[in-house]
């Protein structure tokens, strides 16, 4: 492993360790989102660009590192940004994060992903050989496997990065829209 790859692996491990050590997952609950919604919405109104960039950064990191909470980030994002902006921000953040996870599997974590999920890898490689990008689109539209697993295992297939990105963007859009609509009603839930 080169120094650069080792450094990236250490940074990724450090970020994941920090997430769990500081119990940051406690902020990713429906109750926590509802409790802070008014304060966060007010801050978003006052600092829209900064809030948008921060939200996208958090979402991208969460997805790229395969941390739990993407669904709640989607709900919370649309609760404070609204349906239109929420859909735009979540759609791009989730696709960028998925692509970063894909790239980390391809160039950094190949051996670990193969050892950990090798049993499912044959299914993905067979699907890609038969159907190509349509297979990925199907996995995004009909999520048989968790998205974090799709991100990692697709990194071990020959699909091009650009194809992976745009197919993921398109395939995740319907599900993202449903979650964004649900999140926009978060303030009314009791």
N, C-alpha and C. Protein backbone atom coordinates (compact mmCIF):
# COMPACT_ATOMS: atom_id res chain seq x y z
N UNK A 1 0.86 -1.17 0.00
CA UNK A 1 0.00 0.00 0.00
C UNK A 1 0.90 1.24 0.00
N UNK A 2 0.63 2.16 -0.91
CA UNK A 2 1.44 3.37 -0.99
C UNK A 2 1.14 4.28 0.20
N UNK A 3 1.99 5.25 0.40
CA UNK A 3 1.78 6.20 1.51
C UNK A 3 0.47 6.95 1.36
N UNK A 4 0.16 7.35 0.14
CA UNK A 4 -1.08 8.09 -0.09
C UNK A 4 -2.29 7.24 0.27
N UNK A 5 -2.28 6.00 -0.17
CA UNK A 5 -3.41 5.11 0.15
C UNK A 5 -3.49 4.85 1.65
N UNK A 6 -2.35 4.67 2.27
CA UNK A 6 -2.33 4.45 3.71
C UNK A 6 -2.87 5.67 4.45
N UNK A 7 -2.46 6.85 4.02
CA UNK A 7 -2.95 8.09 4.63
C UNK A 7 -4.46 8.23 4.45
N UNK A 8 -4.95 7.95 3.24
CA UNK A 8 -6.40 8.01 3.00
C UNK A 8 -7.15 7.00 3.87
N UNK A 9 -6.61 5.81 3.99
CA UNK A 9 -7.25 4.79 4.82
C UNK A 9 -7.27 5.22 6.29
N UNK A 10 -6.19 5.82 6.75
CA UNK A 10 -6.14 6.31 8.13
C UNK A 10 -7.13 7.45 8.36
N UNK A 11 -7.22 8.37 7.41
CA UNK A 11 -8.18 9.47 7.53
C UNK A 11 -9.61 8.92 7.55
N UNK A 12 -9.91 8.01 6.64
CA UNK A 12 -11.25 7.42 6.61
C UNK A 12 -11.55 6.69 7.92
N UNK A 13 -10.60 5.90 8.38
CA UNK A 13 -10.77 5.20 9.65
C UNK A 13 -10.94 6.15 10.81
N UNK A 14 -10.17 7.24 10.80
CA UNK A 14 -10.28 8.25 11.86
C UNK A 14 -11.65 8.92 11.86
N UNK A 15 -12.16 9.24 10.68
CA UNK A 15 -13.48 9.87 10.60
C UNK A 15 -14.58 8.91 11.07
N UNK A 16 -14.49 7.67 10.65
CA UNK A 16 -15.48 6.68 11.08
C UNK A 16 -15.38 6.46 12.59
N UNK A 17 -14.16 6.34 13.10
CA UNK A 17 -13.96 6.17 14.54
C UNK A 17 -14.50 7.34 15.33
N UNK A 18 -14.27 8.56 14.84
CA UNK A 18 -14.77 9.76 15.50
C UNK A 18 -16.29 9.76 15.55
N UNK A 19 -16.93 9.37 14.43
CA UNK A 19 -18.39 9.32 14.37
C UNK A 19 -18.93 8.44 15.50
N UNK A 20 -18.34 7.26 15.66
CA UNK A 20 -18.84 6.34 16.68
C UNK A 20 -18.36 6.71 18.09
N UNK A 21 -17.14 7.17 18.22
CA UNK A 21 -16.61 7.54 19.55
C UNK A 21 -17.38 8.70 20.16
N UNK A 22 -17.75 9.67 19.34
CA UNK A 22 -18.50 10.82 19.83
C UNK A 22 -20.01 10.59 19.80
N UNK A 23 -20.41 9.38 19.41
CA UNK A 23 -21.82 9.01 19.34
C UNK A 23 -22.62 10.04 18.53
N UNK A 24 -22.08 10.43 17.38
CA UNK A 24 -22.76 11.42 16.55
C UNK A 24 -24.05 10.87 15.95
N UNK A 25 -24.18 9.56 15.93
CA UNK A 25 -25.41 8.95 15.45
C UNK A 25 -26.63 9.34 16.26
N UNK A 26 -26.42 9.79 17.50
CA UNK A 26 -27.57 10.18 18.34
C UNK A 26 -28.30 11.38 17.76
N UNK A 27 -27.61 12.16 16.92
CA UNK A 27 -28.25 13.31 16.29
C UNK A 27 -29.05 12.90 15.06
N UNK A 28 -28.91 11.65 14.66
CA UNK A 28 -29.60 11.17 13.47
C UNK A 28 -30.78 10.30 13.87
N UNK A 29 -31.67 10.90 14.63
CA UNK A 29 -32.92 10.23 14.99
C UNK A 29 -34.06 11.18 14.68
N UNK A 30 -35.23 10.62 14.48
CA UNK A 30 -36.39 11.45 14.16
C UNK A 30 -36.68 12.44 15.28
N UNK A 31 -36.54 12.01 16.52
CA UNK A 31 -36.77 12.91 17.65
C UNK A 31 -35.79 14.07 17.68
N UNK A 32 -34.52 13.77 17.44
CA UNK A 32 -33.50 14.83 17.43
C UNK A 32 -33.76 15.82 16.29
N UNK A 33 -34.16 15.29 15.14
CA UNK A 33 -34.46 16.18 14.00
C UNK A 33 -35.64 17.09 14.32
N UNK A 34 -36.69 16.53 14.89
CA UNK A 34 -37.86 17.33 15.23
C UNK A 34 -37.54 18.37 16.29
N UNK A 35 -36.74 18.00 17.28
CA UNK A 35 -36.41 18.91 18.37
C UNK A 35 -35.60 20.12 17.90
N UNK A 36 -34.77 19.93 16.90
CA UNK A 36 -33.90 21.01 16.43
C UNK A 36 -34.37 21.68 15.16
N UNK A 37 -35.49 21.22 14.60
CA UNK A 37 -35.92 21.72 13.30
C UNK A 37 -36.09 23.23 13.26
N UNK A 38 -36.75 23.81 14.23
CA UNK A 38 -37.01 25.26 14.21
C UNK A 38 -35.71 26.06 14.26
N UNK A 39 -34.80 25.67 15.14
CA UNK A 39 -33.52 26.39 15.25
C UNK A 39 -32.69 26.25 13.99
N UNK A 40 -32.66 25.04 13.44
CA UNK A 40 -31.88 24.82 12.22
C UNK A 40 -32.51 25.56 11.05
N UNK A 41 -33.83 25.54 10.95
CA UNK A 41 -34.52 26.24 9.86
C UNK A 41 -34.24 27.74 9.92
N UNK A 42 -34.21 28.29 11.11
CA UNK A 42 -33.91 29.72 11.26
C UNK A 42 -32.47 30.02 10.81
N UNK A 43 -31.53 29.15 11.19
CA UNK A 43 -30.14 29.34 10.77
C UNK A 43 -30.01 29.21 9.26
N UNK A 44 -30.73 28.25 8.67
CA UNK A 44 -30.71 28.06 7.22
C UNK A 44 -31.24 29.31 6.52
N UNK A 45 -32.32 29.88 7.04
CA UNK A 45 -32.87 31.11 6.45
C UNK A 45 -31.88 32.25 6.49
N UNK A 46 -31.11 32.34 7.55
CA UNK A 46 -30.14 33.43 7.71
C UNK A 46 -28.84 33.19 6.96
N UNK A 47 -28.47 31.93 6.75
CA UNK A 47 -27.18 31.59 6.14
C UNK A 47 -27.37 30.50 5.10
N UNK A 48 -28.20 30.76 4.11
CA UNK A 48 -28.61 29.71 3.17
C UNK A 48 -27.43 29.04 2.46
N UNK A 49 -26.53 29.82 1.90
CA UNK A 49 -25.42 29.25 1.14
C UNK A 49 -24.51 28.42 2.05
N UNK A 50 -24.14 28.98 3.20
CA UNK A 50 -23.29 28.25 4.14
C UNK A 50 -23.98 26.98 4.63
N UNK A 51 -25.26 27.09 4.94
CA UNK A 51 -26.01 25.93 5.41
C UNK A 51 -26.09 24.85 4.33
N UNK A 52 -26.31 25.27 3.10
CA UNK A 52 -26.38 24.32 1.99
C UNK A 52 -25.06 23.59 1.81
N UNK A 53 -23.97 24.34 1.82
CA UNK A 53 -22.65 23.73 1.65
C UNK A 53 -22.31 22.79 2.81
N UNK A 54 -22.64 23.19 4.03
CA UNK A 54 -22.39 22.35 5.19
C UNK A 54 -23.22 21.06 5.11
N UNK A 55 -24.48 21.20 4.74
CA UNK A 55 -25.35 20.03 4.62
C UNK A 55 -24.80 19.07 3.57
N UNK A 56 -24.43 19.59 2.41
CA UNK A 56 -23.89 18.74 1.35
C UNK A 56 -22.61 18.05 1.81
N UNK A 57 -21.74 18.78 2.49
CA UNK A 57 -20.50 18.19 2.99
C UNK A 57 -20.78 17.05 3.97
N UNK A 58 -21.68 17.28 4.91
CA UNK A 58 -22.02 16.24 5.89
C UNK A 58 -22.63 15.03 5.18
N UNK A 59 -23.52 15.28 4.23
CA UNK A 59 -24.18 14.19 3.52
C UNK A 59 -23.18 13.40 2.69
N UNK A 60 -22.31 14.10 1.97
CA UNK A 60 -21.30 13.43 1.15
C UNK A 60 -20.39 12.57 2.02
N UNK A 61 -19.91 13.13 3.13
CA UNK A 61 -19.04 12.36 4.03
C UNK A 61 -19.75 11.14 4.60
N UNK A 62 -20.98 11.33 5.02
CA UNK A 62 -21.76 10.22 5.58
C UNK A 62 -21.91 9.09 4.56
N UNK A 63 -22.23 9.45 3.33
CA UNK A 63 -22.41 8.45 2.29
C UNK A 63 -21.09 7.84 1.85
N UNK A 64 -20.08 8.68 1.66
CA UNK A 64 -18.77 8.19 1.21
C UNK A 64 -18.15 7.23 2.22
N UNK A 65 -18.38 7.48 3.50
CA UNK A 65 -17.83 6.62 4.55
C UNK A 65 -18.78 5.49 4.95
N UNK A 66 -19.91 5.39 4.26
CA UNK A 66 -20.92 4.36 4.52
C UNK A 66 -21.41 4.39 5.96
N UNK A 67 -21.56 5.59 6.51
CA UNK A 67 -22.08 5.75 7.86
C UNK A 67 -23.60 5.66 7.83
N UNK A 68 -24.21 5.22 8.92
CA UNK A 68 -25.67 5.17 8.96
C UNK A 68 -26.25 6.58 9.02
N UNK A 69 -27.44 6.75 8.51
CA UNK A 69 -28.12 8.02 8.68
C UNK A 69 -28.51 8.76 7.42
N UNK A 70 -28.26 8.20 6.24
CA UNK A 70 -28.59 8.92 5.01
C UNK A 70 -30.10 9.21 4.92
N UNK A 71 -30.92 8.26 5.32
CA UNK A 71 -32.37 8.47 5.25
C UNK A 71 -32.79 9.62 6.15
N UNK A 72 -32.24 9.67 7.35
CA UNK A 72 -32.60 10.76 8.27
C UNK A 72 -32.01 12.09 7.81
N UNK A 73 -30.84 12.07 7.20
CA UNK A 73 -30.30 13.31 6.63
C UNK A 73 -31.20 13.81 5.51
N UNK A 74 -31.73 12.90 4.72
CA UNK A 74 -32.65 13.28 3.65
C UNK A 74 -33.91 13.90 4.22
N UNK A 75 -34.49 13.26 5.22
CA UNK A 75 -35.69 13.80 5.86
C UNK A 75 -35.42 15.17 6.47
N UNK A 76 -34.32 15.26 7.21
CA UNK A 76 -33.97 16.53 7.86
C UNK A 76 -33.64 17.62 6.86
N UNK A 77 -32.94 17.26 5.80
CA UNK A 77 -32.59 18.25 4.78
C UNK A 77 -33.82 18.85 4.12
N UNK A 78 -34.78 18.01 3.80
CA UNK A 78 -35.98 18.56 3.16
C UNK A 78 -36.86 19.30 4.16
N UNK A 79 -36.78 18.92 5.44
CA UNK A 79 -37.56 19.63 6.46
C UNK A 79 -37.10 21.07 6.60
N UNK A 80 -35.81 21.32 6.44
CA UNK A 80 -35.31 22.69 6.62
C UNK A 80 -35.07 23.43 5.30
N UNK A 81 -34.80 22.70 4.21
CA UNK A 81 -34.55 23.36 2.93
C UNK A 81 -35.78 23.38 2.03
N UNK A 82 -36.80 22.58 2.36
CA UNK A 82 -37.97 22.50 1.51
C UNK A 82 -37.80 21.42 0.45
N UNK A 83 -38.87 21.17 -0.29
CA UNK A 83 -38.87 20.08 -1.27
C UNK A 83 -37.89 20.36 -2.41
N UNK A 84 -37.97 21.53 -3.02
CA UNK A 84 -37.13 21.83 -4.19
C UNK A 84 -35.65 21.81 -3.88
N UNK A 85 -35.23 22.66 -2.94
CA UNK A 85 -33.82 22.71 -2.58
C UNK A 85 -33.38 21.41 -1.91
N UNK A 86 -34.24 20.82 -1.10
CA UNK A 86 -33.90 19.56 -0.45
C UNK A 86 -33.62 18.47 -1.48
N UNK A 87 -34.47 18.36 -2.49
CA UNK A 87 -34.27 17.36 -3.54
C UNK A 87 -32.97 17.61 -4.28
N UNK A 88 -32.71 18.84 -4.64
CA UNK A 88 -31.49 19.18 -5.37
C UNK A 88 -30.24 18.85 -4.55
N UNK A 89 -30.21 19.31 -3.31
CA UNK A 89 -29.04 19.10 -2.45
C UNK A 89 -28.82 17.62 -2.14
N UNK A 90 -29.89 16.93 -1.76
CA UNK A 90 -29.77 15.52 -1.41
C UNK A 90 -29.38 14.68 -2.63
N UNK A 91 -29.99 14.98 -3.77
CA UNK A 91 -29.70 14.20 -4.97
C UNK A 91 -28.22 14.27 -5.35
N UNK A 92 -27.68 15.47 -5.37
CA UNK A 92 -26.27 15.60 -5.74
C UNK A 92 -25.35 15.09 -4.64
N UNK A 93 -25.67 15.38 -3.38
CA UNK A 93 -24.82 14.92 -2.28
C UNK A 93 -24.78 13.40 -2.20
N UNK A 94 -25.93 12.76 -2.37
CA UNK A 94 -25.95 11.29 -2.30
C UNK A 94 -25.20 10.67 -3.46
N UNK A 95 -25.31 11.24 -4.64
CA UNK A 95 -24.60 10.69 -5.81
C UNK A 95 -23.10 10.91 -5.71
N UNK A 96 -22.69 12.07 -5.24
CA UNK A 96 -21.26 12.34 -5.05
C UNK A 96 -20.69 11.42 -3.97
N UNK A 97 -21.40 11.30 -2.86
CA UNK A 97 -20.95 10.41 -1.78
C UNK A 97 -20.88 8.96 -2.23
N UNK A 98 -21.88 8.51 -2.98
CA UNK A 98 -21.88 7.14 -3.50
C UNK A 98 -20.69 6.92 -4.42
N UNK A 99 -20.38 7.91 -5.24
CA UNK A 99 -19.25 7.79 -6.16
C UNK A 99 -17.93 7.77 -5.40
N UNK A 100 -17.82 8.54 -4.34
CA UNK A 100 -16.60 8.49 -3.52
C UNK A 100 -16.44 7.13 -2.83
N UNK A 101 -17.54 6.55 -2.36
CA UNK A 101 -17.47 5.21 -1.77
C UNK A 101 -17.06 4.19 -2.83
N UNK A 102 -17.63 4.32 -4.01
CA UNK A 102 -17.28 3.48 -5.16
C UNK A 102 -15.78 3.57 -5.45
N UNK A 103 -15.26 4.79 -5.50
CA UNK A 103 -13.83 5.00 -5.79
C UNK A 103 -12.94 4.46 -4.67
N UNK A 104 -13.39 4.61 -3.42
CA UNK A 104 -12.58 4.08 -2.32
C UNK A 104 -12.50 2.56 -2.40
N UNK A 105 -13.60 1.91 -2.80
CA UNK A 105 -13.57 0.46 -2.96
C UNK A 105 -12.67 0.06 -4.12
N UNK A 106 -12.72 0.81 -5.18
CA UNK A 106 -11.93 0.47 -6.36
C UNK A 106 -10.43 0.66 -6.13
N UNK A 107 -10.05 1.74 -5.48
CA UNK A 107 -8.63 2.08 -5.41
C UNK A 107 -7.99 1.92 -4.03
N UNK A 108 -8.79 1.79 -3.00
CA UNK A 108 -8.24 1.79 -1.65
C UNK A 108 -8.61 0.54 -0.85
N UNK A 109 -9.83 0.13 -0.93
CA UNK A 109 -10.34 -0.93 -0.06
C UNK A 109 -10.66 -2.23 -0.80
N UNK A 110 -10.11 -2.41 -1.98
CA UNK A 110 -10.44 -3.57 -2.82
C UNK A 110 -10.32 -4.89 -2.06
N UNK A 111 -9.19 -5.11 -1.41
CA UNK A 111 -8.97 -6.39 -0.71
C UNK A 111 -9.97 -6.58 0.43
N UNK A 112 -10.22 -5.51 1.19
CA UNK A 112 -11.16 -5.61 2.31
C UNK A 112 -12.58 -5.88 1.82
N UNK A 113 -13.00 -5.15 0.79
CA UNK A 113 -14.36 -5.34 0.25
C UNK A 113 -14.51 -6.76 -0.30
N UNK A 114 -13.49 -7.24 -1.00
CA UNK A 114 -13.54 -8.60 -1.55
C UNK A 114 -13.64 -9.63 -0.43
N UNK A 115 -12.84 -9.45 0.62
CA UNK A 115 -12.86 -10.40 1.74
C UNK A 115 -14.19 -10.34 2.50
N UNK A 116 -14.71 -9.15 2.69
CA UNK A 116 -15.92 -8.95 3.51
C UNK A 116 -17.20 -9.33 2.76
N UNK A 117 -17.27 -8.97 1.47
CA UNK A 117 -18.51 -9.15 0.71
C UNK A 117 -18.32 -10.00 -0.54
N UNK A 118 -17.26 -10.80 -0.57
CA UNK A 118 -16.93 -11.58 -1.76
C UNK A 118 -18.05 -12.47 -2.25
N UNK A 119 -18.87 -12.99 -1.34
CA UNK A 119 -19.97 -13.85 -1.74
C UNK A 119 -20.99 -13.16 -2.62
N UNK A 120 -21.18 -11.89 -2.41
CA UNK A 120 -22.14 -11.13 -3.21
C UNK A 120 -21.51 -10.55 -4.48
N UNK A 121 -20.18 -10.52 -4.52
CA UNK A 121 -19.48 -9.92 -5.64
C UNK A 121 -19.79 -10.63 -6.95
N UNK A 122 -19.88 -11.95 -6.93
CA UNK A 122 -20.17 -12.71 -8.15
C UNK A 122 -21.51 -12.30 -8.74
N UNK A 123 -22.50 -12.05 -7.88
CA UNK A 123 -23.82 -11.62 -8.34
C UNK A 123 -23.71 -10.29 -9.07
N UNK A 124 -22.96 -9.36 -8.50
CA UNK A 124 -22.80 -8.04 -9.11
C UNK A 124 -22.04 -8.13 -10.43
N UNK A 125 -20.96 -8.92 -10.45
CA UNK A 125 -20.18 -9.04 -11.68
C UNK A 125 -20.98 -9.72 -12.78
N UNK A 126 -21.77 -10.71 -12.42
CA UNK A 126 -22.62 -11.38 -13.40
C UNK A 126 -23.68 -10.42 -13.95
N UNK A 127 -24.31 -9.68 -13.06
CA UNK A 127 -25.31 -8.70 -13.49
C UNK A 127 -24.73 -7.64 -14.40
N UNK A 128 -23.54 -7.17 -14.07
CA UNK A 128 -22.89 -6.15 -14.90
C UNK A 128 -22.50 -6.73 -16.27
N UNK A 129 -22.05 -7.99 -16.29
CA UNK A 129 -21.66 -8.61 -17.55
C UNK A 129 -22.87 -8.79 -18.47
N UNK A 130 -24.02 -9.13 -17.89
CA UNK A 130 -25.22 -9.37 -18.69
C UNK A 130 -25.94 -8.08 -19.07
N UNK A 131 -26.07 -7.16 -18.12
CA UNK A 131 -26.94 -6.00 -18.30
C UNK A 131 -26.23 -4.66 -18.34
N UNK A 132 -25.00 -4.60 -17.89
CA UNK A 132 -24.24 -3.35 -17.89
C UNK A 132 -24.87 -2.32 -16.96
N UNK A 133 -24.92 -1.09 -17.41
CA UNK A 133 -25.42 0.02 -16.59
C UNK A 133 -26.88 -0.18 -16.19
N UNK A 134 -27.65 -0.91 -17.00
CA UNK A 134 -29.05 -1.18 -16.66
C UNK A 134 -29.15 -1.96 -15.36
N UNK A 135 -28.17 -2.82 -15.09
CA UNK A 135 -28.16 -3.58 -13.83
C UNK A 135 -28.03 -2.63 -12.64
N UNK A 136 -27.12 -1.67 -12.75
CA UNK A 136 -26.96 -0.67 -11.68
C UNK A 136 -28.24 0.14 -11.53
N UNK A 137 -28.83 0.55 -12.65
CA UNK A 137 -30.08 1.32 -12.59
C UNK A 137 -31.16 0.51 -11.86
N UNK A 138 -31.25 -0.77 -12.16
CA UNK A 138 -32.23 -1.63 -11.48
C UNK A 138 -31.97 -1.70 -9.98
N UNK A 139 -30.69 -1.80 -9.60
CA UNK A 139 -30.36 -1.85 -8.17
C UNK A 139 -30.70 -0.54 -7.46
N UNK A 140 -30.61 0.56 -8.17
CA UNK A 140 -30.95 1.86 -7.58
C UNK A 140 -32.46 2.05 -7.50
N UNK A 141 -33.18 1.61 -8.51
CA UNK A 141 -34.64 1.78 -8.52
C UNK A 141 -35.35 0.79 -7.61
N UNK A 142 -34.83 -0.43 -7.55
CA UNK A 142 -35.41 -1.49 -6.72
C UNK A 142 -34.31 -1.96 -5.78
N UNK A 143 -34.19 -1.30 -4.63
CA UNK A 143 -33.03 -1.57 -3.76
C UNK A 143 -33.08 -2.93 -3.06
N UNK A 144 -32.63 -3.95 -3.79
CA UNK A 144 -32.55 -5.30 -3.23
C UNK A 144 -31.42 -5.36 -2.20
N UNK A 145 -30.31 -4.69 -2.52
CA UNK A 145 -29.15 -4.62 -1.63
C UNK A 145 -29.06 -3.22 -1.04
N UNK A 146 -28.55 -3.10 0.17
CA UNK A 146 -28.36 -1.75 0.74
C UNK A 146 -27.42 -0.93 -0.16
N UNK A 147 -27.68 0.37 -0.23
CA UNK A 147 -26.90 1.23 -1.12
C UNK A 147 -25.42 1.23 -0.79
N UNK A 148 -25.06 1.15 0.50
CA UNK A 148 -23.64 1.14 0.83
C UNK A 148 -22.95 -0.07 0.21
N UNK A 149 -23.66 -1.20 0.15
CA UNK A 149 -23.10 -2.41 -0.44
C UNK A 149 -22.98 -2.26 -1.96
N UNK A 150 -23.99 -1.67 -2.58
CA UNK A 150 -23.93 -1.41 -4.02
C UNK A 150 -22.74 -0.51 -4.34
N UNK A 151 -22.57 0.55 -3.55
CA UNK A 151 -21.46 1.48 -3.77
C UNK A 151 -20.12 0.75 -3.73
N UNK A 152 -19.93 -0.08 -2.71
CA UNK A 152 -18.65 -0.77 -2.54
C UNK A 152 -18.42 -1.84 -3.60
N UNK A 153 -19.42 -2.68 -3.84
CA UNK A 153 -19.23 -3.78 -4.78
C UNK A 153 -19.14 -3.29 -6.23
N UNK A 154 -19.85 -2.25 -6.57
CA UNK A 154 -19.75 -1.72 -7.93
C UNK A 154 -18.35 -1.18 -8.21
N UNK A 155 -17.65 -0.76 -7.15
CA UNK A 155 -16.28 -0.31 -7.32
C UNK A 155 -15.35 -1.41 -7.80
N UNK A 156 -15.75 -2.65 -7.64
CA UNK A 156 -14.93 -3.78 -8.07
C UNK A 156 -15.34 -4.33 -9.43
N UNK A 157 -16.27 -3.66 -10.08
CA UNK A 157 -16.69 -4.05 -11.43
C UNK A 157 -16.02 -3.10 -12.43
N UNK A 158 -16.08 -3.43 -13.71
CA UNK A 158 -15.42 -2.58 -14.70
C UNK A 158 -16.21 -1.34 -15.13
N UNK A 159 -17.33 -1.03 -14.50
CA UNK A 159 -18.13 0.12 -14.91
C UNK A 159 -17.30 1.41 -14.79
N UNK A 160 -17.47 2.30 -15.75
CA UNK A 160 -16.76 3.58 -15.74
C UNK A 160 -17.31 4.47 -14.63
N UNK A 161 -16.45 5.30 -14.07
CA UNK A 161 -16.85 6.20 -12.98
C UNK A 161 -17.96 7.13 -13.44
N UNK A 162 -17.84 7.71 -14.61
CA UNK A 162 -18.86 8.66 -15.10
C UNK A 162 -20.20 7.96 -15.28
N UNK A 163 -20.19 6.74 -15.80
CA UNK A 163 -21.43 5.98 -15.97
C UNK A 163 -22.04 5.66 -14.61
N UNK A 164 -21.19 5.25 -13.68
CA UNK A 164 -21.66 4.95 -12.33
C UNK A 164 -22.35 6.18 -11.72
N UNK A 165 -21.73 7.34 -11.87
CA UNK A 165 -22.29 8.56 -11.29
C UNK A 165 -23.66 8.88 -11.88
N UNK A 166 -23.75 8.99 -13.21
CA UNK A 166 -25.02 9.45 -13.77
C UNK A 166 -26.13 8.42 -13.62
N UNK A 167 -25.79 7.13 -13.68
CA UNK A 167 -26.82 6.10 -13.47
C UNK A 167 -27.30 6.13 -12.02
N UNK A 168 -26.37 6.33 -11.09
CA UNK A 168 -26.75 6.43 -9.68
C UNK A 168 -27.62 7.66 -9.45
N UNK A 169 -27.23 8.79 -10.03
CA UNK A 169 -28.00 10.03 -9.89
C UNK A 169 -29.43 9.81 -10.38
N UNK A 170 -29.57 9.24 -11.54
CA UNK A 170 -30.88 9.00 -12.13
C UNK A 170 -31.66 7.94 -11.35
N UNK A 171 -31.00 6.85 -11.00
CA UNK A 171 -31.68 5.74 -10.34
C UNK A 171 -32.13 6.03 -8.92
N UNK A 172 -31.39 6.88 -8.22
CA UNK A 172 -31.77 7.19 -6.83
C UNK A 172 -32.79 8.32 -6.75
N UNK A 173 -33.00 9.03 -7.85
CA UNK A 173 -33.88 10.20 -7.83
C UNK A 173 -35.32 9.89 -7.38
N UNK A 174 -35.98 8.85 -7.90
CA UNK A 174 -37.36 8.60 -7.44
C UNK A 174 -37.46 8.34 -5.93
N UNK A 175 -36.57 7.51 -5.40
CA UNK A 175 -36.59 7.24 -3.96
C UNK A 175 -36.25 8.47 -3.15
N UNK A 176 -35.31 9.25 -3.65
CA UNK A 176 -34.94 10.50 -2.98
C UNK A 176 -36.15 11.43 -2.92
N UNK A 177 -36.89 11.51 -4.01
CA UNK A 177 -38.06 12.38 -4.07
C UNK A 177 -39.10 11.96 -3.02
N UNK A 178 -39.32 10.67 -2.87
CA UNK A 178 -40.28 10.18 -1.87
C UNK A 178 -39.83 10.58 -0.46
N UNK A 179 -38.56 10.37 -0.15
CA UNK A 179 -38.04 10.73 1.17
C UNK A 179 -38.08 12.24 1.40
N UNK A 180 -37.79 13.01 0.36
CA UNK A 180 -37.82 14.47 0.49
C UNK A 180 -39.25 14.94 0.76
N UNK A 181 -40.22 14.37 0.06
CA UNK A 181 -41.62 14.73 0.33
C UNK A 181 -41.99 14.38 1.77
N UNK A 182 -41.58 13.22 2.23
CA UNK A 182 -41.87 12.82 3.61
C UNK A 182 -41.19 13.77 4.60
N UNK A 183 -39.96 14.14 4.33
CA UNK A 183 -39.22 15.03 5.21
C UNK A 183 -39.81 16.42 5.28
N UNK A 184 -40.43 16.85 4.18
CA UNK A 184 -41.02 18.19 4.19
C UNK A 184 -42.19 18.28 5.16
N UNK A 185 -42.73 17.14 5.55
CA UNK A 185 -43.83 17.08 6.51
C UNK A 185 -43.34 16.79 7.93
N UNK A 186 -42.03 16.75 8.12
CA UNK A 186 -41.45 16.38 9.41
C UNK A 186 -41.95 17.25 10.56
N UNK A 187 -42.11 18.52 10.33
CA UNK A 187 -42.55 19.43 11.38
C UNK A 187 -43.95 19.14 11.88
N UNK A 188 -44.76 18.50 11.06
CA UNK A 188 -46.13 18.21 11.46
C UNK A 188 -46.26 16.87 12.19
N UNK A 189 -45.20 16.06 12.18
CA UNK A 189 -45.26 14.76 12.85
C UNK A 189 -45.18 14.94 14.36
N UNK A 190 -45.89 14.11 15.08
CA UNK A 190 -45.84 14.18 16.54
C UNK A 190 -45.42 12.85 17.12
